[in-house]
Amino acid sequence: MMKTKDSLEQKREIAKIGMSTSLLLTAGSALFLRHTLAKRIHIGAGIALIGFSLWHSSLYPKTKLKDKSS
């Protein structure tokens, strides 16, 4: 089954928004790491950032470089 372009573009946009939000939470919570809640948010947002980054990279086609010596 082929994925529609709109669906793929929507998934890419959702992944970008997720990465931006989790990056903001990770950076913002880093300022308050003395508090237990901020530590939990920091760790959770960091894990979410990794997950969104992996998902985002999987939404792009994998192309192999051609050998330039030929």
PDB file of N, CA and C in Angstrom:
ATOM      1  N   MET A   1       0.840  -1.179   0.000  1.00  0.00           N
ATOM      2  CA  MET A   1       0.000   0.000   0.000  1.00  0.00           C
ATOM      3  C   MET A   1       0.886   1.243   0.000  1.00  0.00           C
ATOM      4  N   MET A   2       0.648   2.131  -0.920  1.00  0.00           N
ATOM      5  CA  MET A   2       1.435   3.353  -1.034  1.00  0.00           C
ATOM      6  C   MET A   2       0.927   4.391  -0.045  1.00  0.00           C
ATOM      7  N   LYS A   3       1.862   5.101   0.538  1.00  0.00           N
ATOM      8  CA  LYS A   3       1.499   6.185   1.443  1.00  0.00           C
ATOM      9  C   LYS A   3       1.239   7.427   0.610  1.00  0.00           C
ATOM     10  N   THR A   4       0.196   8.160   0.969  1.00  0.00           N
ATOM     11  CA  THR A   4      -0.063   9.394   0.246  1.00  0.00           C
ATOM     12  C   THR A   4       0.920  10.462   0.692  1.00  0.00           C
ATOM     13  N   LYS A   5       1.166  11.406  -0.178  1.00  0.00           N
ATOM     14  CA  LYS A   5       2.109  12.465   0.134  1.00  0.00           C
ATOM     15  C   LYS A   5       1.615  13.305   1.304  1.00  0.00           C
ATOM     16  N   ASP A   6       0.311  13.555   1.341  1.00  0.00           N
ATOM     17  CA  ASP A   6      -0.250  14.361   2.423  1.00  0.00           C
ATOM     18  C   ASP A   6      -0.050  13.674   3.765  1.00  0.00           C
ATOM     19  N   SER A   7      -0.266  12.376   3.796  1.00  0.00           N
ATOM     20  CA  SER A   7      -0.110  11.634   5.041  1.00  0.00           C
ATOM     21  C   SER A   7       1.337  11.663   5.509  1.00  0.00           C
ATOM     22  N   LEU A   8       2.265  11.484   4.595  1.00  0.00           N
ATOM     23  CA  LEU A   8       3.683  11.502   4.930  1.00  0.00           C
ATOM     24  C   LEU A   8       4.107  12.892   5.392  1.00  0.00           C
ATOM     25  N   GLU A   9       3.637  13.911   4.717  1.00  0.00           N
ATOM     26  CA  GLU A   9       3.961  15.290   5.107  1.00  0.00           C
ATOM     27  C   GLU A   9       3.377  15.609   6.480  1.00  0.00           C
ATOM     28  N   GLN A  10       2.188  15.113   6.769  1.00  0.00           N
ATOM     29  CA  GLN A  10       1.573  15.344   8.077  1.00  0.00           C
ATOM     30  C   GLN A  10       2.382  14.656   9.172  1.00  0.00           C
ATOM     31  N   LYS A  11       2.825  13.443   8.914  1.00  0.00           N
ATOM     32  CA  LYS A  11       3.636  12.726   9.896  1.00  0.00           C
ATOM     33  C   LYS A  11       4.957  13.441  10.137  1.00  0.00           C
ATOM     34  N   ARG A  12       5.572  13.951   9.075  1.00  0.00           N
ATOM     35  CA  ARG A  12       6.823  14.701   9.217  1.00  0.00           C
ATOM     36  C   ARG A  12       6.611  15.958  10.061  1.00  0.00           C
ATOM     37  N   GLU A  13       5.501  16.640   9.817  1.00  0.00           N
ATOM     38  CA  GLU A  13       5.208  17.863  10.558  1.00  0.00           C
ATOM     39  C   GLU A  13       4.940  17.558  12.035  1.00  0.00           C
ATOM     40  N   ILE A  14       4.221  16.484  12.316  1.00  0.00           N
ATOM     41  CA  ILE A  14       3.961  16.083  13.701  1.00  0.00           C
ATOM     42  C   ILE A  14       5.268  15.726  14.399  1.00  0.00           C
ATOM     43  N   ALA A  15       6.153  15.027  13.701  1.00  0.00           N
ATOM     44  CA  ALA A  15       7.451  14.670  14.283  1.00  0.00           C
ATOM     45  C   ALA A  15       8.277  15.920  14.582  1.00  0.00           C
ATOM     46  N   LYS A  16       8.241  16.904  13.694  1.00  0.00           N
ATOM     47  CA  LYS A  16       8.983  18.145  13.921  1.00  0.00           C
ATOM     48  C   LYS A  16       8.431  18.908  15.126  1.00  0.00           C
ATOM     49  N   ILE A  17       7.119  18.960  15.238  1.00  0.00           N
ATOM     50  CA  ILE A  17       6.498  19.633  16.374  1.00  0.00           C
ATOM     51  C   ILE A  17       6.846  18.906  17.665  1.00  0.00           C
ATOM     52  N   GLY A  18       6.817  17.582  17.638  1.00  0.00           N
ATOM     53  CA  GLY A  18       7.185  16.794  18.813  1.00  0.00           C
ATOM     54  C   GLY A  18       8.631  17.014  19.217  1.00  0.00           C
ATOM     55  N   MET A  19       9.532  17.068  18.235  1.00  0.00           N
ATOM     56  CA  MET A  19      10.945  17.329  18.538  1.00  0.00           C
ATOM     57  C   MET A  19      11.130  18.719  19.140  1.00  0.00           C
ATOM     58  N   SER A  20      10.449  19.706  18.578  1.00  0.00           N
ATOM     59  CA  SER A  20      10.575  21.076  19.087  1.00  0.00           C
ATOM     60  C   SER A  20      10.055  21.189  20.514  1.00  0.00           C
ATOM     61  N   THR A  21       8.909  20.573  20.765  1.00  0.00           N
ATOM     62  CA  THR A  21       8.311  20.637  22.098  1.00  0.00           C
ATOM     63  C   THR A  21       9.176  19.923  23.126  1.00  0.00           C
ATOM     64  N   SER A  22       9.646  18.732  22.785  1.00  0.00           N
ATOM     65  CA  SER A  22      10.458  17.986  23.748  1.00  0.00           C
ATOM     66  C   SER A  22      11.817  18.660  23.966  1.00  0.00           C
ATOM     67  N   LEU A  23      12.369  19.309  22.934  1.00  0.00           N
ATOM     68  CA  LEU A  23      13.611  20.056  23.107  1.00  0.00           C
ATOM     69  C   LEU A  23      13.397  21.252  24.036  1.00  0.00           C
ATOM     70  N   LEU A  24      12.281  21.950  23.871  1.00  0.00           N
ATOM     71  CA  LEU A  24      11.956  23.074  24.739  1.00  0.00           C
ATOM     72  C   LEU A  24      11.803  22.612  26.190  1.00  0.00           C
ATOM     73  N   LEU A  25      11.107  21.497  26.406  1.00  0.00           N
ATOM     74  CA  LEU A  25      10.931  20.972  27.758  1.00  0.00           C
ATOM     75  C   LEU A  25      12.262  20.520  28.360  1.00  0.00           C
ATOM     76  N   THR A  26      13.095  19.889  27.557  1.00  0.00           N
ATOM     77  CA  THR A  26      14.395  19.424  28.049  1.00  0.00           C
ATOM     78  C   THR A  26      15.264  20.609  28.457  1.00  0.00           C
ATOM     79  N   ALA A  27      15.336  21.612  27.605  1.00  0.00           N
ATOM     80  CA  ALA A  27      16.162  22.781  27.912  1.00  0.00           C
ATOM     81  C   ALA A  27      15.581  23.595  29.065  1.00  0.00           C
ATOM     82  N   GLY A  28      14.280  23.751  29.083  1.00  0.00           N
ATOM     83  CA  GLY A  28      13.650  24.531  30.145  1.00  0.00           C
ATOM     84  C   GLY A  28      13.752  23.871  31.506  1.00  0.00           C
ATOM     85  N   SER A  29      13.574  22.566  31.539  1.00  0.00           N
ATOM     86  CA  SER A  29      13.635  21.863  32.820  1.00  0.00           C
ATOM     87  C   SER A  29      15.069  21.760  33.340  1.00  0.00           C
ATOM     88  N   ALA A  30      16.045  21.917  32.466  1.00  0.00           N
ATOM     89  CA  ALA A  30      17.449  21.862  32.899  1.00  0.00           C
ATOM     90  C   ALA A  30      17.785  22.999  33.862  1.00  0.00           C
ATOM     91  N   LEU A  31      17.019  24.073  33.812  1.00  0.00           N
ATOM     92  CA  LEU A  31      17.264  25.211  34.692  1.00  0.00           C
ATOM     93  C   LEU A  31      16.799  24.956  36.127  1.00  0.00           C
ATOM     94  N   PHE A  32      15.975  23.923  36.321  1.00  0.00           N
ATOM     95  CA  PHE A  32      15.372  23.678  37.630  1.00  0.00           C
ATOM     96  C   PHE A  32      15.622  22.259  38.117  1.00  0.00           C
ATOM     97  N   LEU A  33      16.798  21.720  37.875  1.00  0.00           N
ATOM     98  CA  LEU A  33      17.059  20.321  38.193  1.00  0.00           C
ATOM     99  C   LEU A  33      17.167  20.027  39.693  1.00  0.00           C
ATOM    100  N   ARG A  34      17.112  21.028  40.519  1.00  0.00           N
ATOM    101  CA  ARG A  34      17.114  20.780  41.956  1.00  0.00           C
ATOM    102  C   ARG A  34      15.781  20.206  42.429  1.00  0.00           C
ATOM    103  N   HIS A  35      14.741  20.416  41.648  1.00  0.00           N
ATOM    104  CA  HIS A  35      13.405  19.936  42.002  1.00  0.00           C
ATOM    105  C   HIS A  35      13.156  18.565  41.381  1.00  0.00           C
ATOM    106  N   THR A  36      12.504  17.708  42.152  1.00  0.00           N
ATOM    107  CA  THR A  36      12.251  16.333  41.696  1.00  0.00           C
ATOM    108  C   THR A  36      11.383  16.301  40.444  1.00  0.00           C
ATOM    109  N   LEU A  37      10.337  17.120  40.395  1.00  0.00           N
ATOM    110  CA  LEU A  37       9.451  17.133  39.235  1.00  0.00           C
ATOM    111  C   LEU A  37      10.201  17.570  37.981  1.00  0.00           C
ATOM    112  N   ALA A  38      11.060  18.559  38.111  1.00  0.00           N
ATOM    113  CA  ALA A  38      11.841  19.037  36.959  1.00  0.00           C
ATOM    114  C   ALA A  38      12.785  17.943  36.450  1.00  0.00           C
ATOM    115  N   LYS A  39      13.347  17.158  37.364  1.00  0.00           N
ATOM    116  CA  LYS A  39      14.219  16.051  36.941  1.00  0.00           C
ATOM    117  C   LYS A  39      13.438  15.031  36.135  1.00  0.00           C
ATOM    118  N   ARG A  40      12.235  14.716  36.610  1.00  0.00           N
ATOM    119  CA  ARG A  40      11.397  13.737  35.885  1.00  0.00           C
ATOM    120  C   ARG A  40      10.995  14.256  34.513  1.00  0.00           C
ATOM    121  N   ILE A  41      10.623  15.519  34.456  1.00  0.00           N
ATOM    122  CA  ILE A  41      10.262  16.123  33.169  1.00  0.00           C
ATOM    123  C   ILE A  41      11.473  16.136  32.244  1.00  0.00           C
ATOM    124  N   HIS A  42      12.636  16.470  32.769  1.00  0.00           N
ATOM    125  CA  HIS A  42      13.862  16.536  31.977  1.00  0.00           C
ATOM    126  C   HIS A  42      14.195  15.172  31.364  1.00  0.00           C
ATOM    127  N   ILE A  43      14.120  14.139  32.163  1.00  0.00           N
ATOM    128  CA  ILE A  43      14.434  12.792  31.669  1.00  0.00           C
ATOM    129  C   ILE A  43      13.379  12.335  30.658  1.00  0.00           C
ATOM    130  N   GLY A  44      12.115  12.543  30.984  1.00  0.00           N
ATOM    131  CA  GLY A  44      11.042  12.139  30.067  1.00  0.00           C
ATOM    132  C   GLY A  44      11.089  12.870  28.744  1.00  0.00           C
ATOM    133  N   ALA A  45      11.342  14.171  28.803  1.00  0.00           N
ATOM    134  CA  ALA A  45      11.421  14.963  27.576  1.00  0.00           C
ATOM    135  C   ALA A  45      12.642  14.574  26.746  1.00  0.00           C
ATOM    136  N   GLY A  46      13.737  14.217  27.413  1.00  0.00           N
ATOM    137  CA  GLY A  46      14.925  13.758  26.678  1.00  0.00           C
ATOM    138  C   GLY A  46      14.666  12.458  25.946  1.00  0.00           C
ATOM    139  N   ILE A  47      13.974  11.542  26.613  1.00  0.00           N
ATOM    140  CA  ILE A  47      13.618  10.276  25.969  1.00  0.00           C
ATOM    141  C   ILE A  47      12.664  10.527  24.800  1.00  0.00           C
ATOM    142  N   ALA A  48      11.698  11.431  25.002  1.00  0.00           N
ATOM    143  CA  ALA A  48      10.763  11.771  23.923  1.00  0.00           C
ATOM    144  C   ALA A  48      11.489  12.402  22.744  1.00  0.00           C
ATOM    145  N   LEU A  49      12.480  13.235  23.024  1.00  0.00           N
ATOM    146  CA  LEU A  49      13.255  13.866  21.952  1.00  0.00           C
ATOM    147  C   LEU A  49      13.975  12.823  21.107  1.00  0.00           C
ATOM    148  N   ILE A  50      14.558  11.839  21.758  1.00  0.00           N
ATOM    149  CA  ILE A  50      15.223  10.755  21.026  1.00  0.00           C
ATOM    150  C   ILE A  50      14.212   9.987  20.175  1.00  0.00           C
ATOM    151  N   GLY A  51      13.069   9.683  20.761  1.00  0.00           N
ATOM    152  CA  GLY A  51      12.033   8.954  20.027  1.00  0.00           C
ATOM    153  C   GLY A  51      11.517   9.725  18.827  1.00  0.00           C
ATOM    154  N   PHE A  52      11.199  11.004  19.017  1.00  0.00           N
ATOM    155  CA  PHE A  52      10.731  11.820  17.896  1.00  0.00           C
ATOM    156  C   PHE A  52      11.810  11.956  16.824  1.00  0.00           C
ATOM    157  N   SER A  53      13.065  12.058  17.210  1.00  0.00           N
ATOM    158  CA  SER A  53      14.158  12.179  16.237  1.00  0.00           C
ATOM    159  C   SER A  53      14.291  10.910  15.397  1.00  0.00           C
ATOM    160  N   LEU A  54      14.199   9.763  16.049  1.00  0.00           N
ATOM    161  CA  LEU A  54      14.265   8.493  15.317  1.00  0.00           C
ATOM    162  C   LEU A  54      13.076   8.350  14.373  1.00  0.00           C
ATOM    163  N   TRP A  55      11.890   8.715  14.851  1.00  0.00           N
ATOM    164  CA  TRP A  55      10.692   8.622  14.016  1.00  0.00           C
ATOM    165  C   TRP A  55      10.820   9.572  12.829  1.00  0.00           C
ATOM    166  N   HIS A  56      11.277  10.795  13.074  1.00  0.00           N
ATOM    167  CA  HIS A  56      11.431  11.782  12.010  1.00  0.00           C
ATOM    168  C   HIS A  56      12.413  11.297  10.942  1.00  0.00           C
ATOM    169  N   SER A  57      13.525  10.726  11.378  1.00  0.00           N
ATOM    170  CA  SER A  57      14.510  10.256  10.397  1.00  0.00           C
ATOM    171  C   SER A  57      13.991   9.055   9.611  1.00  0.00           C
ATOM    172  N   SER A  58      13.094   8.277  10.192  1.00  0.00           N
ATOM    173  CA  SER A  58      12.558   7.120   9.469  1.00  0.00           C
ATOM    174  C   SER A  58      11.532   7.523   8.412  1.00  0.00           C
ATOM    175  N   LEU A  59      11.077   8.760   8.433  1.00  0.00           N
ATOM    176  CA  LEU A  59      10.070   9.221   7.473  1.00  0.00           C
ATOM    177  C   LEU A  59      10.675   9.705   6.163  1.00  0.00           C
ATOM    178  N   TYR A  60      11.995   9.676   6.065  1.00  0.00           N
ATOM    179  CA  TYR A  60      12.669  10.108   4.847  1.00  0.00           C
ATOM    180  C   TYR A  60      13.281   8.902   4.146  1.00  0.00           C
ATOM    181  N   PRO A  61      13.258   8.886   2.812  1.00  0.00           N
ATOM    182  CA  PRO A  61      13.802   7.727   2.085  1.00  0.00           C
ATOM    183  C   PRO A  61      15.304   7.596   2.256  1.00  0.00           C
ATOM    184  N   LYS A  62      15.752   6.378   2.280  1.00  0.00           N
ATOM    185  CA  LYS A  62      17.184   6.105   2.390  1.00  0.00           C
ATOM    186  C   LYS A  62      17.746   5.967   0.980  1.00  0.00           C
ATOM    187  N   THR A  63      18.682   6.847   0.611  1.00  0.00           N
ATOM    188  CA  THR A  63      19.303   6.769  -0.709  1.00  0.00           C
ATOM    189  C   THR A  63      20.763   6.449  -0.547  1.00  0.00           C
ATOM    190  N   LYS A  64      21.266   5.628  -1.436  1.00  0.00           N
ATOM    191  CA  LYS A  64      22.682   5.255  -1.412  1.00  0.00           C
ATOM    192  C   LYS A  64      23.447   6.151  -2.369  1.00  0.00           C
ATOM    193  N   LEU A  65      24.645   6.547  -1.977  1.00  0.00           N
ATOM    194  CA  LEU A  65      25.489   7.363  -2.846  1.00  0.00           C
ATOM    195  C   LEU A  65      26.080   6.506  -3.952  1.00  0.00           C
ATOM    196  N   LYS A  66      26.101   7.033  -5.153  1.00  0.00           N
ATOM    197  CA  LYS A  66      26.684   6.311  -6.277  1.00  0.00           C
ATOM    198  C   LYS A  66      28.195   6.447  -6.226  1.00  0.00           C
ATOM    199  N   ASP A  67      28.880   5.437  -6.727  1.00  0.00           N
ATOM    200  CA  ASP A  67      30.342   5.448  -6.756  1.00  0.00           C
ATOM    201  C   ASP A  67      30.819   6.478  -7.776  1.00  0.00           C
ATOM    202  N   LYS A  68      31.563   7.492  -7.359  1.00  0.00           N
ATOM    203  CA  LYS A  68      31.998   8.568  -8.259  1.00  0.00           C
ATOM    204  C   LYS A  68      33.261   8.218  -9.038  1.00  0.00           C
ATOM    205  N   SER A  69      33.922   7.096  -8.733  1.00  0.00           N
ATOM    206  CA  SER A  69      35.158   6.758  -9.423  1.00  0.00           C
ATOM    207  C   SER A  69      34.896   6.186 -10.817  1.00  0.00           C
ATOM    208  N   SER A  70      33.663   5.821 -11.145  1.00  0.00           N
ATOM    209  CA  SER A  70      33.363   5.234 -12.455  1.00  0.00           C
ATOM    210  C   SER A  70      33.300   6.285 -13.528  1.00  0.00           C
TER     211      SER A  70
END
